[in-house]
N, C-alpha and C. Protein backbone atom coordinates (compact mmCIF):
# COMPACT_ATOMS: atom_id res chain seq x y z
N UNK A 1 -38.62 -23.47 -30.57
CA UNK A 1 -37.92 -24.16 -29.79
C UNK A 1 -36.67 -23.59 -29.48
N UNK A 2 -35.83 -23.22 -30.64
CA UNK A 2 -34.75 -22.87 -30.56
C UNK A 2 -34.23 -21.52 -29.80
N UNK A 3 -35.54 -20.41 -30.29
CA UNK A 3 -35.47 -19.04 -29.73
C UNK A 3 -35.54 -19.68 -28.04
N UNK A 4 -36.33 -20.61 -27.26
CA UNK A 4 -36.39 -20.73 -25.91
C UNK A 4 -35.41 -21.05 -25.49
N UNK A 5 -34.59 -21.99 -26.52
CA UNK A 5 -33.02 -22.72 -25.78
C UNK A 5 -32.06 -21.55 -26.27
N UNK A 6 -32.34 -20.99 -26.90
CA UNK A 6 -31.40 -19.61 -26.91
C UNK A 6 -31.37 -18.63 -25.83
N UNK A 7 -32.27 -18.51 -25.24
CA UNK A 7 -32.92 -17.37 -24.12
C UNK A 7 -32.38 -18.26 -23.16
N UNK A 8 -32.54 -19.47 -22.97
CA UNK A 8 -31.93 -20.19 -21.36
C UNK A 8 -31.31 -19.83 -21.43
N UNK A 9 -30.21 -20.32 -22.30
CA UNK A 9 -28.40 -20.48 -22.43
C UNK A 9 -27.86 -19.04 -21.61
N UNK A 10 -28.86 -17.92 -22.60
CA UNK A 10 -28.15 -16.38 -22.37
C UNK A 10 -28.13 -16.38 -21.06
N UNK A 11 -29.58 -16.85 -20.66
CA UNK A 11 -29.84 -16.32 -18.98
C UNK A 11 -28.62 -17.15 -17.97
N UNK A 12 -28.47 -18.07 -18.73
CA UNK A 12 -27.77 -19.07 -17.59
C UNK A 12 -26.53 -18.34 -17.57
N UNK A 13 -25.75 -17.79 -18.86
CA UNK A 13 -24.34 -17.46 -18.91
C UNK A 13 -24.52 -15.75 -17.83
N UNK A 14 -25.74 -15.27 -18.26
CA UNK A 14 -25.35 -14.23 -17.34
C UNK A 14 -25.55 -14.46 -15.81
N UNK A 15 -26.49 -15.33 -15.35
CA UNK A 15 -26.44 -15.68 -14.02
C UNK A 15 -25.12 -16.32 -13.31
N UNK A 16 -24.51 -16.57 -14.45
CA UNK A 16 -23.36 -17.40 -13.98
C UNK A 16 -22.17 -16.79 -13.93
N UNK A 17 -21.88 -15.57 -14.68
CA UNK A 17 -21.41 -14.06 -14.41
C UNK A 17 -21.63 -13.37 -13.06
N UNK A 18 -22.79 -13.26 -13.14
CA UNK A 18 -22.75 -12.59 -11.71
C UNK A 18 -22.38 -13.10 -10.64
N UNK A 19 -22.47 -14.85 -10.86
CA UNK A 19 -22.53 -15.31 -9.75
C UNK A 19 -20.79 -15.46 -9.37
N UNK A 20 -20.20 -15.07 -10.28
CA UNK A 20 -18.67 -15.06 -10.28
C UNK A 20 -17.93 -13.31 -10.05
N UNK A 21 -18.71 -12.41 -9.93
CA UNK A 21 -18.13 -11.13 -9.23
C UNK A 21 -17.44 -10.97 -8.05
N UNK A 22 -16.80 -10.33 -8.42
CA UNK A 22 -15.63 -10.45 -6.73
C UNK A 22 -16.13 -9.28 -5.97
N UNK A 23 -16.12 -9.36 -4.54
CA UNK A 23 -16.68 -8.99 -3.61
C UNK A 23 -15.23 -7.93 -3.06
N UNK A 24 -15.49 -6.85 -2.80
CA UNK A 24 -14.56 -5.97 -2.42
C UNK A 24 -14.25 -6.30 -1.04
N UNK A 25 -12.92 -6.42 -1.03
CA UNK A 25 -12.67 -6.82 0.57
C UNK A 25 -11.68 -5.98 1.13
N UNK A 26 -11.32 -6.09 2.15
CA UNK A 26 -10.36 -5.36 3.21
C UNK A 26 -8.96 -4.96 2.83
N UNK A 27 -8.45 -5.85 2.23
CA UNK A 27 -7.07 -6.28 2.18
C UNK A 27 -6.81 -5.39 1.44
N UNK A 28 -5.27 -4.66 1.52
CA UNK A 28 -4.86 -3.88 0.88
C UNK A 28 -4.66 -2.39 1.63
N UNK A 29 -4.23 -1.35 1.29
CA UNK A 29 -4.13 0.08 1.97
C UNK A 29 -4.86 1.29 1.50
N UNK A 30 -5.31 1.88 2.50
CA UNK A 30 -6.49 2.70 2.34
C UNK A 30 -6.04 4.45 3.18
N UNK A 31 -6.35 5.38 2.45
CA UNK A 31 -5.87 6.47 2.74
C UNK A 31 -6.88 7.34 3.47
N UNK A 32 -7.44 7.62 4.52
CA UNK A 32 -8.02 8.54 5.33
C UNK A 32 -8.46 9.77 4.43
N UNK A 33 -9.81 10.19 4.31
CA UNK A 33 -10.29 11.17 3.48
C UNK A 33 -11.20 11.97 4.34
N UNK A 34 -11.93 11.62 5.28
CA UNK A 34 -12.58 12.57 6.44
C UNK A 34 -12.59 11.25 7.70
N UNK A 35 -12.73 11.92 8.73
CA UNK A 35 -12.66 11.69 10.08
C UNK A 35 -13.67 12.38 10.85
N UNK A 36 -14.65 11.75 11.69
CA UNK A 36 -15.28 12.58 12.56
C UNK A 36 -15.52 12.04 13.80
N UNK A 37 -15.38 12.98 15.15
CA UNK A 37 -15.98 12.17 16.27
C UNK A 37 -16.87 13.11 16.72
N UNK A 38 -17.99 12.67 17.35
CA UNK A 38 -19.42 13.14 17.58
C UNK A 38 -19.53 14.40 16.70
N UNK A 39 -19.51 14.25 15.27
CA UNK A 39 -19.81 14.62 14.30
C UNK A 39 -19.23 16.08 13.71
N UNK A 40 -17.85 16.22 14.47
CA UNK A 40 -16.86 17.42 14.06
C UNK A 40 -15.74 16.43 13.66
N UNK A 41 -15.16 17.41 12.79
CA UNK A 41 -14.01 16.92 11.72
C UNK A 41 -12.65 16.87 12.59
N UNK A 42 -12.15 15.78 12.90
CA UNK A 42 -11.26 15.54 13.85
C UNK A 42 -9.98 16.41 13.53
N UNK A 43 -9.57 17.12 11.93
CA UNK A 43 -8.64 17.53 11.67
C UNK A 43 -8.59 18.74 11.62
N UNK A 44 -9.65 18.83 11.15
CA UNK A 44 -10.00 20.85 11.03
C UNK A 44 -10.26 21.25 12.83
N UNK A 45 -10.71 20.24 13.91
CA UNK A 45 -10.38 20.56 15.25
C UNK A 45 -9.27 21.39 15.58
N UNK A 46 -8.44 20.46 15.02
CA UNK A 46 -6.72 20.82 15.52
C UNK A 46 -6.17 21.50 14.57
N UNK A 47 -7.02 22.35 13.57
CA UNK A 47 -6.56 23.15 12.51
C UNK A 47 -5.75 22.99 11.51
N UNK A 48 -6.02 21.87 11.18
CA UNK A 48 -5.47 21.07 10.19
C UNK A 48 -6.17 20.47 8.91
N UNK A 49 -5.58 19.78 7.99
CA UNK A 49 -6.96 19.32 7.18
C UNK A 49 -5.74 17.91 6.35
N UNK A 50 -6.51 16.94 6.23
CA UNK A 50 -6.22 16.30 5.42
C UNK A 50 -5.79 16.13 4.09
N UNK A 51 -6.42 17.21 3.21
CA UNK A 51 -5.46 17.84 2.09
C UNK A 51 -3.94 18.22 1.78
N UNK A 52 -4.36 19.19 3.28
CA UNK A 52 -2.93 19.95 3.54
C UNK A 52 -1.65 18.82 3.93
N UNK A 53 -2.35 17.70 4.80
CA UNK A 53 -1.15 16.86 4.83
C UNK A 53 -0.84 15.61 3.70
N UNK A 54 -1.83 15.88 2.81
CA UNK A 54 -1.60 14.89 1.75
C UNK A 54 -0.65 15.82 0.66
N UNK A 55 -0.69 17.29 0.51
CA UNK A 55 0.08 18.05 -0.50
C UNK A 55 1.49 18.16 0.58
N UNK A 56 1.67 17.64 1.20
CA UNK A 56 2.79 17.74 2.01
C UNK A 56 3.71 16.51 2.06
N UNK A 57 3.06 15.51 1.13
CA UNK A 57 3.32 14.00 1.24
C UNK A 57 3.42 13.20 2.43
N UNK A 58 2.48 13.66 2.78
CA UNK A 58 2.04 12.65 4.51
C UNK A 58 0.44 12.13 3.85
N UNK A 59 0.53 10.68 4.43
CA UNK A 59 -0.98 10.15 4.27
C UNK A 59 -0.87 9.44 5.43
N UNK A 60 -2.48 9.34 5.84
CA UNK A 60 -3.10 8.59 7.54
C UNK A 60 -3.90 7.52 6.83
N UNK A 61 -3.59 6.41 7.33
CA UNK A 61 -4.56 5.46 6.84
C UNK A 61 -4.26 3.99 7.15
N UNK A 62 -4.76 3.07 6.96
CA UNK A 62 -4.62 1.72 7.30
C UNK A 62 -4.02 0.69 6.43
N UNK A 63 -3.33 -0.40 6.57
CA UNK A 63 -3.47 -1.49 6.07
C UNK A 63 -4.00 -2.57 6.18
N UNK A 64 -4.58 -3.46 5.63
CA UNK A 64 -5.16 -4.63 6.18
C UNK A 64 -4.49 -6.04 5.17
N UNK A 65 -4.61 -6.99 5.70
CA UNK A 65 -4.19 -8.46 5.16
C UNK A 65 -4.44 -9.14 6.15
N UNK A 66 -4.87 -10.34 5.59
CA UNK A 66 -4.88 -11.84 6.11
C UNK A 66 -5.94 -11.34 7.58
N UNK A 67 -6.70 -10.67 7.91
CA UNK A 67 -7.58 -10.57 9.37
C UNK A 67 -6.91 -9.76 10.09
N UNK A 68 -5.70 -9.30 9.76
CA UNK A 68 -4.90 -8.16 10.74
C UNK A 68 -4.93 -6.64 9.72
N UNK A 69 -5.36 -5.68 10.64
CA UNK A 69 -5.17 -4.26 10.41
C UNK A 69 -4.28 -3.54 11.22
N UNK A 70 -3.66 -3.11 10.34
CA UNK A 70 -2.38 -1.82 11.31
C UNK A 70 -3.25 -0.47 10.67
N UNK A 71 -3.59 0.15 11.92
CA UNK A 71 -3.96 1.88 11.54
C UNK A 71 -2.91 2.77 11.68
N UNK A 72 -2.77 3.76 11.18
CA UNK A 72 -1.91 4.84 11.85
C UNK A 72 -1.90 6.28 11.51
N UNK A 73 -2.26 6.78 12.69
CA UNK A 73 -2.84 8.11 12.46
C UNK A 73 -1.33 9.27 13.24
N UNK A 74 -1.11 9.72 12.83
CA UNK A 74 -0.12 10.66 13.50
C UNK A 74 1.12 9.92 14.02
N UNK A 75 1.31 9.97 15.60
CA UNK A 75 2.27 9.01 16.03
C UNK A 75 1.38 7.92 16.55
N UNK A 76 0.46 7.56 16.36
CA UNK A 76 0.00 6.25 16.76
C UNK A 76 -0.24 5.11 15.76
N UNK A 77 0.14 3.99 16.29
CA UNK A 77 -0.39 2.91 15.31
C UNK A 77 -0.73 1.97 16.12
N UNK A 78 -2.06 1.32 16.04
CA UNK A 78 -2.36 0.39 16.75
C UNK A 78 -2.88 -0.99 15.61
N UNK A 79 -2.75 -2.16 16.04
CA UNK A 79 -3.18 -3.72 15.26
C UNK A 79 -4.26 -4.49 15.72
N UNK A 80 -5.07 -4.30 14.69
CA UNK A 80 -6.88 -4.86 15.17
C UNK A 80 -6.93 -5.71 14.09
N UNK A 81 -8.10 -6.67 14.61
CA UNK A 81 -8.31 -7.71 13.68
C UNK A 81 -9.78 -7.58 12.94
N UNK A 82 -10.01 -8.30 11.90
CA UNK A 82 -11.28 -8.15 11.42
C UNK A 82 -11.75 -8.80 10.51
N UNK A 83 -13.27 -9.05 10.28
CA UNK A 83 -13.66 -10.04 9.41
C UNK A 83 -14.32 -9.64 8.29
N UNK A 84 -15.42 -10.13 7.74
CA UNK A 84 -16.28 -9.63 6.69
C UNK A 84 -17.10 -8.29 7.16
N UNK A 85 -17.64 -7.79 8.64
CA UNK A 85 -18.42 -7.13 8.61
C UNK A 85 -17.70 -6.04 9.63
N UNK A 86 -17.05 -6.53 10.67
CA UNK A 86 -16.49 -5.64 11.67
C UNK A 86 -14.68 -5.63 11.68
N UNK A 87 -14.63 -4.63 12.03
CA UNK A 87 -12.94 -4.61 12.92
C UNK A 87 -13.35 -4.46 14.30
N UNK A 88 -12.04 -5.44 15.02
CA UNK A 88 -12.52 -5.77 16.57
C UNK A 88 -11.16 -5.49 16.94
N UNK A 89 -11.10 -4.65 17.84
CA UNK A 89 -9.64 -4.32 18.98
C UNK A 89 -9.75 -5.74 19.76
N UNK A 90 -8.88 -6.49 19.54
CA UNK A 90 -8.63 -7.60 20.17
C UNK A 90 -8.31 -7.77 21.64
N UNK A 91 -8.01 -6.47 22.02
CA UNK A 91 -7.71 -5.93 24.01
C UNK A 91 -9.11 -5.78 24.36
N UNK A 92 -9.94 -5.56 23.65
CA UNK A 92 -11.35 -5.22 24.41
C UNK A 92 -11.77 -4.16 24.64
N UNK A 93 -10.35 -3.08 24.04
CA UNK A 93 -11.14 -1.70 24.84
C UNK A 93 -11.95 -0.72 24.17
N UNK A 94 -12.30 -1.47 22.86
CA UNK A 94 -13.27 -0.74 21.96
C UNK A 94 -14.37 -1.44 21.80
N UNK A 95 -15.48 -0.98 21.44
CA UNK A 95 -16.63 -1.77 20.81
C UNK A 95 -16.33 -2.05 19.31
N UNK A 96 -17.30 -3.14 18.84
CA UNK A 96 -17.11 -3.66 17.13
C UNK A 96 -17.01 -2.27 16.44
N UNK A 97 -16.28 -1.94 15.18
CA UNK A 97 -16.43 -1.04 14.53
C UNK A 97 -16.89 -1.58 13.33
N UNK A 98 -18.26 -1.09 12.62
CA UNK A 98 -18.61 -1.66 11.30
C UNK A 98 -18.07 -1.09 10.16
N UNK A 99 -17.56 -1.91 9.46
CA UNK A 99 -17.03 -1.12 8.34
C UNK A 99 -17.91 -2.06 6.65
N UNK A 100 -17.72 -1.02 5.69
CA UNK A 100 -18.65 -1.28 4.43
C UNK A 100 -17.84 -0.83 3.42
N UNK A 101 -17.42 -1.52 2.14
CA UNK A 101 -16.96 -1.05 1.33
C UNK A 101 -17.65 -1.00 -0.24
N UNK A 102 -17.50 0.31 -0.76
CA UNK A 102 -18.53 0.05 -2.06
C UNK A 102 -17.42 1.52 -3.12
N UNK A 103 -17.49 0.68 -4.12
CA UNK A 103 -16.45 1.23 -5.27
C UNK A 103 -15.06 1.92 -4.68
N UNK A 104 -14.79 1.11 -4.24
CA UNK A 104 -13.20 1.70 -3.62
C UNK A 104 -13.22 2.55 -2.46
N UNK A 105 -14.29 2.51 -1.95
CA UNK A 105 -14.67 3.49 -0.59
C UNK A 105 -14.57 2.60 0.56
N UNK A 106 -14.03 2.88 1.73
CA UNK A 106 -14.15 2.01 2.96
C UNK A 106 -15.29 3.04 3.57
N UNK A 107 -15.99 2.97 4.28
CA UNK A 107 -16.57 3.64 5.70
C UNK A 107 -16.62 2.86 7.04
N UNK A 108 -16.24 3.63 7.94
CA UNK A 108 -16.24 2.66 9.45
C UNK A 108 -17.16 3.62 10.09
N UNK A 109 -18.14 2.85 10.96
CA UNK A 109 -18.64 3.79 11.74
C UNK A 109 -18.29 2.71 13.16
N UNK A 110 -18.42 3.49 14.44
CA UNK A 110 -17.92 3.02 15.76
C UNK A 110 -18.41 3.88 17.07
N UNK A 111 -18.15 3.53 17.82
CA UNK A 111 -18.04 4.17 19.24
C UNK A 111 -16.80 3.55 19.95
N UNK A 112 -16.86 4.81 20.86
CA UNK A 112 -16.02 4.28 21.69
C UNK A 112 -15.98 5.12 23.00
N UNK A 113 -16.72 4.55 24.12
CA UNK A 113 -17.31 5.49 25.29
C UNK A 113 -18.40 5.65 24.81
N UNK A 114 -18.30 7.27 25.24
CA UNK A 114 -18.97 8.27 25.29
C UNK A 114 -19.21 8.89 23.68
N UNK A 115 -17.89 8.37 22.90
CA UNK A 115 -17.79 8.96 21.47
C UNK A 115 -17.84 8.35 20.43
N UNK A 116 -18.88 8.98 19.42
CA UNK A 116 -19.35 8.17 18.25
C UNK A 116 -18.46 8.74 16.73
N UNK A 117 -18.03 7.42 15.98
CA UNK A 117 -16.60 8.37 14.86
C UNK A 117 -17.04 7.58 14.04
N UNK A 118 -16.80 8.24 12.55
CA UNK A 118 -17.12 7.75 11.15
C UNK A 118 -15.71 8.04 10.45
N UNK A 119 -15.47 7.11 9.70
CA UNK A 119 -14.30 7.47 9.04
C UNK A 119 -14.64 7.22 7.59
N UNK A 120 -14.07 7.99 6.69
CA UNK A 120 -14.14 7.30 4.89
C UNK A 120 -12.52 7.42 4.29
N UNK A 121 -12.56 6.26 4.02
CA UNK A 121 -11.11 6.01 3.44
C UNK A 121 -11.19 5.68 2.02
N UNK A 122 -10.07 5.98 1.29
CA UNK A 122 -10.11 5.45 -0.07
C UNK A 122 -8.82 4.65 -0.71
N UNK A 123 -9.05 3.65 -1.37
CA UNK A 123 -8.17 2.43 -1.80
C UNK A 123 -7.01 3.41 -2.22
N UNK A 124 -5.66 3.31 -1.69
CA UNK A 124 -4.60 3.81 -2.04
C UNK A 124 -3.91 3.03 -3.40
N UNK A 125 -3.64 3.88 -4.17
CA UNK A 125 -2.70 3.67 -5.64
C UNK A 125 -1.79 3.02 -5.10
N UNK A 126 -0.84 2.17 -5.73
CA UNK A 126 0.42 1.19 -5.69
C UNK A 126 1.55 2.35 -4.84
N UNK A 127 1.59 3.41 -5.64
CA UNK A 127 2.28 4.64 -5.36
C UNK A 127 2.32 5.10 -4.18
N UNK A 128 1.01 5.37 -3.69
CA UNK A 128 0.25 5.88 -2.32
C UNK A 128 0.91 4.70 -1.10
N UNK A 129 0.86 3.76 -1.62
CA UNK A 129 1.07 2.88 -0.60
C UNK A 129 2.33 2.42 -0.39
N UNK A 130 2.96 2.55 -1.32
CA UNK A 130 4.44 2.68 -1.00
C UNK A 130 4.98 3.58 -0.22
N UNK A 131 4.56 5.10 -0.48
CA UNK A 131 4.68 5.76 0.24
C UNK A 131 4.34 5.92 1.61
N UNK A 132 2.98 5.55 1.90
CA UNK A 132 2.52 5.45 3.28
C UNK A 132 3.04 4.32 4.23
N UNK A 133 3.97 3.09 3.27
CA UNK A 133 4.56 2.14 4.19
C UNK A 133 5.69 2.66 4.83
N UNK A 134 6.37 3.73 3.61
CA UNK A 134 7.91 4.04 4.04
C UNK A 134 7.93 5.45 5.20
N UNK A 135 6.60 6.51 5.23
CA UNK A 135 6.73 7.09 5.88
C UNK A 135 7.09 7.27 7.46
N UNK A 136 7.50 8.44 8.20
CA UNK A 136 8.20 7.93 9.36
C UNK A 136 7.12 9.44 10.20
N UNK A 137 7.51 8.93 11.67
CA UNK A 137 6.80 10.34 12.45
C UNK A 137 7.40 11.39 12.15
N UNK A 138 8.68 11.62 11.97
CA UNK A 138 9.22 12.57 10.98
C UNK A 138 9.11 13.11 10.24
N UNK A 139 8.63 12.69 9.06
CA UNK A 139 7.93 13.18 8.14
C UNK A 139 6.54 14.16 8.30
N UNK A 140 5.73 13.23 9.24
CA UNK A 140 4.43 14.29 9.90
C UNK A 140 4.46 15.17 10.38
N UNK A 141 5.84 15.14 11.18
CA UNK A 141 6.02 16.20 11.90
C UNK A 141 6.62 17.47 11.05
N UNK A 142 7.65 16.94 10.14
CA UNK A 142 8.03 18.11 8.94
C UNK A 142 6.92 18.90 8.27
N UNK A 143 5.90 17.78 8.16
CA UNK A 143 4.52 18.45 7.52
C UNK A 143 4.04 19.40 8.31
N UNK A 144 3.60 19.06 9.81
CA UNK A 144 2.94 19.83 10.49
C UNK A 144 3.53 21.34 10.51
N UNK A 145 4.94 21.40 10.76
CA UNK A 145 5.84 22.68 10.63
C UNK A 145 5.47 23.46 9.62
N UNK A 146 5.89 22.79 8.63
CA UNK A 146 5.70 23.49 6.84
C UNK A 146 4.38 24.04 7.02
N UNK A 147 3.03 23.32 7.71
CA UNK A 147 1.78 24.03 7.56
C UNK A 147 1.32 25.13 8.40
N UNK A 148 2.42 25.04 9.40
CA UNK A 148 2.17 26.20 10.55
C UNK A 148 2.90 27.16 10.16
N UNK A 149 3.77 27.10 8.99
CA UNK A 149 4.53 28.25 8.44
C UNK A 149 6.16 28.42 9.18
N UNK A 150 6.51 27.14 9.77
CA UNK A 150 7.84 26.86 10.62
C UNK A 150 8.72 26.49 9.71
N UNK A 151 10.05 26.83 9.96
CA UNK A 151 11.22 26.00 9.11
C UNK A 151 11.23 24.35 9.77
N UNK A 152 10.74 23.59 8.89
CA UNK A 152 10.80 21.97 9.18
C UNK A 152 12.35 21.25 9.72
N UNK A 153 13.06 22.33 9.39
CA UNK A 153 14.24 22.01 9.74
C UNK A 153 14.66 22.07 11.39
N UNK A 154 13.92 22.86 12.03
CA UNK A 154 13.84 23.13 13.25
C UNK A 154 13.78 21.73 14.10
N UNK A 155 12.86 20.89 13.75
CA UNK A 155 12.83 19.58 14.26
C UNK A 155 14.10 19.02 14.71
N UNK A 156 15.68 18.99 13.87
CA UNK A 156 16.59 18.40 14.15
C UNK A 156 16.84 19.35 15.27
N UNK A 157 16.61 20.71 15.05
CA UNK A 157 17.82 21.27 16.23
C UNK A 157 17.26 21.60 17.73
N UNK A 158 15.77 20.65 17.77
CA UNK A 158 15.06 20.81 19.23
C UNK A 158 15.92 19.84 19.99
N UNK A 159 16.19 18.69 19.23
CA UNK A 159 17.18 17.93 20.35
C UNK A 159 18.64 18.39 21.15
N UNK A 160 18.96 19.44 20.22
CA UNK A 160 20.07 19.85 20.88
C UNK A 160 20.03 20.63 22.03
């Protein structure tokens, strides 16, 4: 009888710990690790790589909090909404984008007109999130110039 009772108590303990497990949420900052459109790498098509941008101190990604998501890609930024399964453009310009989170990796698959796209993102560290929040379009442009072998300071001289 004591063995049965001990087994039942152990089973209840295991089940209660399982029930308390936390589900990964979209809240936080995520860095883009890959992006395809109709099966083609978006950055490679433009002659760049995400690894090169990151090596030059620039991150692309998104920040999510309280049902609002801000996505920043180059000079474009858009604010979207999300629930526990979909990212939704509140203006209705695109279809819902389904997302999944598994072990700190966020994957998104969606459709925009005739385009199908997939994105993979990784949860940012605190240092990356701080850098991401403070980077400017100028930082991105300077990184692009540097990757093209041009003097990043040329940007400042363009307006003169």
